[in-house]
Amino acid sequence: GNTNSGDGAYLPLTPNGSFFETSPTHQSTELQQLHNNNDEHHSPTSVNKVSHTSKSHNNEVHQWLKSINLEQYYESFISNEIDNLHALKHKDINSKVLQRIGIDIVEHRMQILSSITD
């Protein structure tokens, strides 16, 4: 009956085996934490997207308004979805439209309209 006692000798290895299985997974969670920390360092790439908003002062509408000394109306144009020169020329902008978006001074409206039609 030696075989039975031999089988019994192998039994204690199974708890030990499961114990060793848990420790490598413990290490991998630490590695994951390291990766997460690295991700935080690389996250500023998502911040760059903010600079691509239409309100950047490199905007062509801003440049154009600056060239005719009326850049104070920039926000009015942007908030009315006129954030590029293509929109400016193709939205049938007239004096009434300009007044509606907040350009109250007649001379300024005329100045803008004459600049668009150039």
N, C-alpha and C. Protein backbone atom coordinates (compact mmCIF):
# COMPACT_ATOMS: atom_id res chain seq x y z
N GLY A 1 0.79 -1.21 0.00
CA GLY A 1 0.00 0.00 0.00
C GLY A 1 0.82 1.26 0.00
N ASN A 2 2.08 1.17 -0.48
CA ASN A 2 2.94 2.34 -0.53
C ASN A 2 2.41 3.41 -1.50
N THR A 3 1.72 2.99 -2.56
CA THR A 3 1.24 3.96 -3.57
C THR A 3 0.30 4.99 -2.95
N ASN A 4 -0.57 4.59 -2.04
CA ASN A 4 -1.49 5.53 -1.41
C ASN A 4 -0.74 6.61 -0.64
N SER A 5 0.25 6.22 0.18
CA SER A 5 1.01 7.20 0.94
C SER A 5 1.79 8.11 -0.01
N GLY A 6 2.22 7.54 -1.16
CA GLY A 6 2.92 8.35 -2.15
C GLY A 6 2.01 9.43 -2.72
N ASP A 7 0.78 9.07 -3.05
CA ASP A 7 -0.18 10.05 -3.55
C ASP A 7 -0.42 11.14 -2.51
N GLY A 8 -0.51 10.73 -1.26
CA GLY A 8 -0.73 11.69 -0.18
C GLY A 8 0.39 12.71 -0.10
N ALA A 9 1.61 12.31 -0.44
CA ALA A 9 2.74 13.23 -0.36
C ALA A 9 2.62 14.34 -1.39
N TYR A 10 1.94 14.06 -2.48
CA TYR A 10 1.80 15.09 -3.52
C TYR A 10 0.74 16.14 -3.16
N LEU A 11 -0.20 15.80 -2.34
CA LEU A 11 -1.32 16.70 -2.02
C LEU A 11 -0.88 18.08 -1.52
N PRO A 12 0.08 18.18 -0.59
CA PRO A 12 0.43 19.52 -0.09
C PRO A 12 0.95 20.46 -1.17
N LEU A 13 1.37 19.94 -2.31
CA LEU A 13 1.90 20.81 -3.36
C LEU A 13 0.80 21.67 -3.99
N THR A 14 -0.44 21.18 -4.02
CA THR A 14 -1.49 21.95 -4.69
C THR A 14 -1.76 23.29 -3.99
N PRO A 15 -1.82 23.37 -2.67
CA PRO A 15 -1.98 24.70 -2.07
C PRO A 15 -0.77 25.59 -2.36
N ASN A 16 0.43 24.99 -2.28
CA ASN A 16 1.62 25.76 -2.60
C ASN A 16 1.57 26.25 -4.05
N GLY A 17 1.12 25.37 -4.92
CA GLY A 17 1.04 25.74 -6.33
C GLY A 17 0.12 26.94 -6.52
N SER A 18 -1.04 26.94 -5.88
CA SER A 18 -1.97 28.06 -6.01
C SER A 18 -1.37 29.31 -5.38
N PHE A 19 -0.58 29.12 -4.33
CA PHE A 19 0.07 30.27 -3.70
C PHE A 19 1.05 30.94 -4.67
N PHE A 20 1.78 30.12 -5.39
CA PHE A 20 2.74 30.70 -6.34
C PHE A 20 2.02 31.35 -7.53
N GLU A 21 0.85 30.85 -7.84
CA GLU A 21 0.08 31.45 -8.94
C GLU A 21 -0.38 32.86 -8.60
N THR A 22 -0.65 33.13 -7.33
CA THR A 22 -1.16 34.45 -6.98
C THR A 22 -0.05 35.50 -7.02
N SER A 23 1.18 35.11 -6.69
CA SER A 23 2.22 36.15 -6.61
C SER A 23 2.58 36.76 -7.97
N PRO A 24 2.67 35.98 -9.07
CA PRO A 24 2.94 36.65 -10.35
C PRO A 24 1.85 37.65 -10.74
N THR A 25 0.58 37.32 -10.50
CA THR A 25 -0.48 38.27 -10.83
C THR A 25 -0.33 39.54 -10.00
N HIS A 26 0.15 39.37 -8.79
CA HIS A 26 0.39 40.54 -7.94
C HIS A 26 1.43 41.45 -8.60
N GLN A 27 2.46 40.85 -9.17
CA GLN A 27 3.50 41.65 -9.85
C GLN A 27 2.91 42.36 -11.08
N SER A 28 2.04 41.66 -11.81
CA SER A 28 1.51 42.26 -13.04
C SER A 28 0.64 43.48 -12.73
N THR A 29 -0.06 43.46 -11.57
CA THR A 29 -0.85 44.65 -11.23
C THR A 29 0.07 45.83 -10.97
N GLU A 30 1.24 45.57 -10.37
CA GLU A 30 2.19 46.66 -10.17
C GLU A 30 2.67 47.20 -11.51
N LEU A 31 2.90 46.29 -12.46
CA LEU A 31 3.31 46.73 -13.79
C LEU A 31 2.22 47.58 -14.43
N GLN A 32 0.97 47.17 -14.27
CA GLN A 32 -0.15 47.95 -14.83
C GLN A 32 -0.18 49.35 -14.22
N GLN A 33 0.11 49.43 -12.92
CA GLN A 33 0.13 50.74 -12.28
C GLN A 33 1.23 51.60 -12.89
N LEU A 34 2.36 50.99 -13.19
CA LEU A 34 3.45 51.74 -13.83
C LEU A 34 2.99 52.25 -15.19
N HIS A 35 2.31 51.39 -15.94
CA HIS A 35 1.80 51.82 -17.25
C HIS A 35 0.80 52.96 -17.11
N ASN A 36 -0.05 52.87 -16.12
CA ASN A 36 -1.02 53.94 -15.89
C ASN A 36 -0.32 55.26 -15.61
N ASN A 37 0.74 55.21 -14.82
CA ASN A 37 1.51 56.42 -14.54
C ASN A 37 2.10 57.00 -15.82
N ASN A 38 2.59 56.11 -16.68
CA ASN A 38 3.14 56.58 -17.95
C ASN A 38 2.07 57.26 -18.79
N ASP A 39 0.87 56.69 -18.78
CA ASP A 39 -0.23 57.27 -19.55
C ASP A 39 -0.51 58.70 -19.10
N GLU A 40 -0.42 58.93 -17.79
CA GLU A 40 -0.68 60.27 -17.28
C GLU A 40 0.36 61.26 -17.82
N HIS A 41 1.59 60.77 -17.99
CA HIS A 41 2.63 61.66 -18.52
C HIS A 41 2.36 61.99 -19.99
N HIS A 42 1.75 61.06 -20.70
CA HIS A 42 1.51 61.28 -22.13
C HIS A 42 0.19 61.98 -22.39
N SER A 43 -0.61 62.20 -21.36
CA SER A 43 -1.95 62.75 -21.56
C SER A 43 -1.98 64.15 -22.17
N PRO A 44 -0.94 64.99 -22.04
CA PRO A 44 -1.04 66.33 -22.65
C PRO A 44 -1.37 66.33 -24.14
N THR A 45 -1.23 65.19 -24.82
CA THR A 45 -1.62 65.16 -26.24
C THR A 45 -3.09 65.49 -26.40
N SER A 46 -3.92 65.07 -25.43
CA SER A 46 -5.35 65.39 -25.51
C SER A 46 -5.59 66.87 -25.24
N VAL A 47 -4.72 67.50 -24.48
CA VAL A 47 -4.87 68.92 -24.17
C VAL A 47 -4.68 69.76 -25.43
N ASN A 48 -3.84 69.27 -26.36
CA ASN A 48 -3.57 70.03 -27.58
C ASN A 48 -4.83 70.26 -28.40
N LYS A 49 -5.79 69.37 -28.29
CA LYS A 49 -7.03 69.51 -29.06
C LYS A 49 -7.74 70.83 -28.74
N VAL A 50 -7.55 71.32 -27.53
CA VAL A 50 -8.22 72.56 -27.11
C VAL A 50 -7.78 73.73 -27.98
N SER A 51 -6.51 73.72 -28.41
CA SER A 51 -5.98 74.85 -29.16
C SER A 51 -6.55 74.92 -30.58
N HIS A 52 -7.26 73.87 -31.00
CA HIS A 52 -7.82 73.88 -32.35
C HIS A 52 -9.22 74.47 -32.41
N THR A 53 -9.65 75.12 -31.33
CA THR A 53 -10.97 75.75 -31.37
C THR A 53 -10.95 76.93 -32.32
N SER A 54 -12.13 77.31 -32.80
CA SER A 54 -12.23 78.38 -33.79
C SER A 54 -11.85 79.74 -33.20
N LYS A 55 -11.71 79.80 -31.87
CA LYS A 55 -11.44 81.09 -31.25
C LYS A 55 -9.93 81.40 -31.17
N SER A 56 -9.10 80.58 -31.81
CA SER A 56 -7.67 80.88 -31.78
C SER A 56 -7.41 82.15 -32.58
N HIS A 57 -6.45 82.94 -32.13
CA HIS A 57 -6.23 84.23 -32.76
C HIS A 57 -5.42 84.13 -34.05
N ASN A 58 -5.09 82.90 -34.45
CA ASN A 58 -4.51 82.70 -35.78
C ASN A 58 -5.61 82.54 -36.82
N ASN A 59 -6.84 82.61 -36.37
CA ASN A 59 -7.97 82.41 -37.27
C ASN A 59 -7.98 83.46 -38.38
N GLU A 60 -8.34 83.02 -39.59
CA GLU A 60 -8.30 83.94 -40.75
C GLU A 60 -9.31 85.07 -40.62
N VAL A 61 -10.43 84.80 -39.95
CA VAL A 61 -11.42 85.86 -39.74
C VAL A 61 -10.83 86.93 -38.82
N HIS A 62 -10.11 86.47 -37.79
CA HIS A 62 -9.47 87.42 -36.87
C HIS A 62 -8.43 88.25 -37.61
N GLN A 63 -7.64 87.58 -38.47
CA GLN A 63 -6.61 88.29 -39.24
C GLN A 63 -7.26 89.35 -40.14
N TRP A 64 -8.37 88.95 -40.76
CA TRP A 64 -9.07 89.86 -41.68
C TRP A 64 -9.64 91.05 -40.92
N LEU A 65 -10.30 90.80 -39.78
CA LEU A 65 -10.86 91.90 -39.00
C LEU A 65 -9.75 92.82 -38.50
N LYS A 66 -8.63 92.22 -38.13
CA LYS A 66 -7.51 93.03 -37.66
C LYS A 66 -7.01 93.94 -38.78
N SER A 67 -7.02 93.40 -40.00
CA SER A 67 -6.51 94.18 -41.14
C SER A 67 -7.40 95.38 -41.44
N ILE A 68 -8.68 95.31 -41.08
CA ILE A 68 -9.57 96.46 -41.28
C ILE A 68 -9.88 97.16 -39.94
N ASN A 69 -9.07 96.84 -38.94
CA ASN A 69 -9.16 97.48 -37.62
C ASN A 69 -10.52 97.32 -36.94
N LEU A 70 -11.14 96.17 -37.15
CA LEU A 70 -12.44 95.92 -36.52
C LEU A 70 -12.43 94.59 -35.76
N GLU A 71 -11.28 94.25 -35.18
CA GLU A 71 -11.17 92.93 -34.54
C GLU A 71 -12.03 92.81 -33.28
N GLN A 72 -12.60 93.94 -32.82
CA GLN A 72 -13.48 93.86 -31.65
C GLN A 72 -14.75 93.07 -31.96
N TYR A 73 -15.05 92.88 -33.27
CA TYR A 73 -16.24 92.13 -33.65
C TYR A 73 -15.97 90.64 -33.86
N TYR A 74 -14.75 90.24 -33.57
CA TYR A 74 -14.36 88.84 -33.82
C TYR A 74 -15.31 87.85 -33.15
N GLU A 75 -15.60 88.06 -31.86
CA GLU A 75 -16.47 87.15 -31.12
C GLU A 75 -17.86 87.08 -31.76
N SER A 76 -18.34 88.21 -32.27
CA SER A 76 -19.66 88.24 -32.92
C SER A 76 -19.69 87.30 -34.13
N PHE A 77 -18.63 87.37 -34.93
CA PHE A 77 -18.56 86.49 -36.10
C PHE A 77 -18.49 85.03 -35.69
N ILE A 78 -17.59 84.73 -34.74
CA ILE A 78 -17.36 83.34 -34.33
C ILE A 78 -18.64 82.74 -33.74
N SER A 79 -19.30 83.50 -32.88
CA SER A 79 -20.49 82.95 -32.23
C SER A 79 -21.64 82.76 -33.21
N ASN A 80 -21.54 83.37 -34.39
CA ASN A 80 -22.54 83.17 -35.43
C ASN A 80 -22.04 82.22 -36.53
N GLU A 81 -21.07 81.40 -36.14
CA GLU A 81 -20.54 80.34 -37.01
C GLU A 81 -19.89 80.87 -38.27
N ILE A 82 -19.41 82.10 -38.21
CA ILE A 82 -18.63 82.63 -39.33
C ILE A 82 -17.18 82.64 -38.86
N ASP A 83 -16.55 81.45 -38.97
CA ASP A 83 -15.20 81.32 -38.42
C ASP A 83 -14.15 81.09 -39.50
N ASN A 84 -14.55 81.29 -40.74
CA ASN A 84 -13.55 81.26 -41.82
C ASN A 84 -14.03 82.15 -42.96
N LEU A 85 -13.10 82.52 -43.82
CA LEU A 85 -13.43 83.48 -44.89
C LEU A 85 -14.38 82.88 -45.91
N HIS A 86 -14.34 81.57 -46.05
CA HIS A 86 -15.26 80.91 -46.98
C HIS A 86 -16.70 81.13 -46.51
N ALA A 87 -16.94 80.93 -45.23
CA ALA A 87 -18.28 81.15 -44.67
C ALA A 87 -18.68 82.61 -44.85
N LEU A 88 -17.71 83.48 -44.65
CA LEU A 88 -17.96 84.91 -44.74
C LEU A 88 -18.49 85.29 -46.13
N LYS A 89 -17.88 84.70 -47.16
CA LYS A 89 -18.22 85.08 -48.54
C LYS A 89 -19.44 84.35 -49.07
N HIS A 90 -19.83 83.24 -48.41
CA HIS A 90 -20.90 82.42 -48.98
C HIS A 90 -22.16 82.42 -48.13
N LYS A 91 -22.21 83.23 -47.09
CA LYS A 91 -23.41 83.26 -46.25
C LYS A 91 -24.33 84.43 -46.60
N ASP A 92 -24.14 85.04 -47.76
CA ASP A 92 -24.98 86.18 -48.17
C ASP A 92 -25.07 87.23 -47.07
N ILE A 93 -23.92 87.65 -46.63
CA ILE A 93 -23.88 88.63 -45.54
C ILE A 93 -24.16 90.02 -46.10
N ASN A 94 -25.16 90.67 -45.51
CA ASN A 94 -25.47 92.04 -45.88
C ASN A 94 -25.52 92.89 -44.61
N SER A 95 -25.89 94.14 -44.77
CA SER A 95 -25.89 95.07 -43.65
C SER A 95 -26.82 94.61 -42.53
N LYS A 96 -27.97 94.05 -42.90
CA LYS A 96 -28.91 93.57 -41.88
C LYS A 96 -28.32 92.41 -41.08
N VAL A 97 -27.67 91.50 -41.79
CA VAL A 97 -27.05 90.35 -41.11
C VAL A 97 -26.00 90.85 -40.12
N LEU A 98 -25.18 91.78 -40.57
CA LEU A 98 -24.13 92.30 -39.71
C LEU A 98 -24.72 92.97 -38.47
N GLN A 99 -25.81 93.71 -38.68
CA GLN A 99 -26.47 94.36 -37.55
C GLN A 99 -27.01 93.31 -36.57
N ARG A 100 -27.53 92.22 -37.13
CA ARG A 100 -28.10 91.17 -36.28
C ARG A 100 -27.03 90.48 -35.44
N ILE A 101 -25.84 90.34 -35.97
CA ILE A 101 -24.80 89.68 -35.18
C ILE A 101 -24.08 90.65 -34.24
N GLY A 102 -24.50 91.92 -34.25
CA GLY A 102 -24.01 92.83 -33.21
C GLY A 102 -23.13 93.96 -33.67
N ILE A 103 -23.10 94.22 -34.97
CA ILE A 103 -22.30 95.34 -35.47
C ILE A 103 -23.25 96.51 -35.72
N ASP A 104 -23.33 97.37 -34.75
CA ASP A 104 -24.36 98.43 -34.77
C ASP A 104 -23.94 99.67 -35.56
N ILE A 105 -22.64 99.88 -35.69
CA ILE A 105 -22.17 101.12 -36.33
C ILE A 105 -22.19 100.96 -37.85
N VAL A 106 -22.95 101.85 -38.49
CA VAL A 106 -23.17 101.74 -39.95
C VAL A 106 -21.85 101.73 -40.70
N GLU A 107 -20.95 102.65 -40.34
CA GLU A 107 -19.66 102.74 -41.03
C GLU A 107 -18.90 101.41 -40.95
N HIS A 108 -19.00 100.78 -39.80
CA HIS A 108 -18.29 99.50 -39.63
C HIS A 108 -18.89 98.42 -40.52
N ARG A 109 -20.22 98.42 -40.61
CA ARG A 109 -20.87 97.44 -41.47
C ARG A 109 -20.46 97.67 -42.93
N MET A 110 -20.44 98.94 -43.35
CA MET A 110 -20.04 99.25 -44.72
C MET A 110 -18.60 98.84 -44.99
N GLN A 111 -17.76 99.08 -43.97
CA GLN A 111 -16.34 98.73 -44.10
C GLN A 111 -16.18 97.22 -44.26
N ILE A 112 -16.93 96.46 -43.47
CA ILE A 112 -16.87 95.00 -43.55
C ILE A 112 -17.39 94.52 -44.90
N LEU A 113 -18.53 95.06 -45.32
CA LEU A 113 -19.12 94.62 -46.58
C LEU A 113 -18.21 94.92 -47.77
N SER A 114 -17.61 96.10 -47.77
CA SER A 114 -16.72 96.44 -48.88
C SER A 114 -15.48 95.55 -48.86
N SER A 115 -15.06 95.14 -47.65
CA SER A 115 -13.90 94.26 -47.55
C SER A 115 -14.21 92.84 -48.05
N ILE A 116 -15.46 92.40 -47.79
CA ILE A 116 -15.87 91.06 -48.25
C ILE A 116 -15.92 91.00 -49.76
N THR A 117 -16.46 92.07 -50.37
CA THR A 117 -16.66 92.04 -51.82
C THR A 117 -15.38 92.24 -52.61
N ASP A 118 -14.30 92.64 -51.94
CA ASP A 118 -13.02 92.82 -52.65
C ASP A 118 -12.58 91.53 -53.33
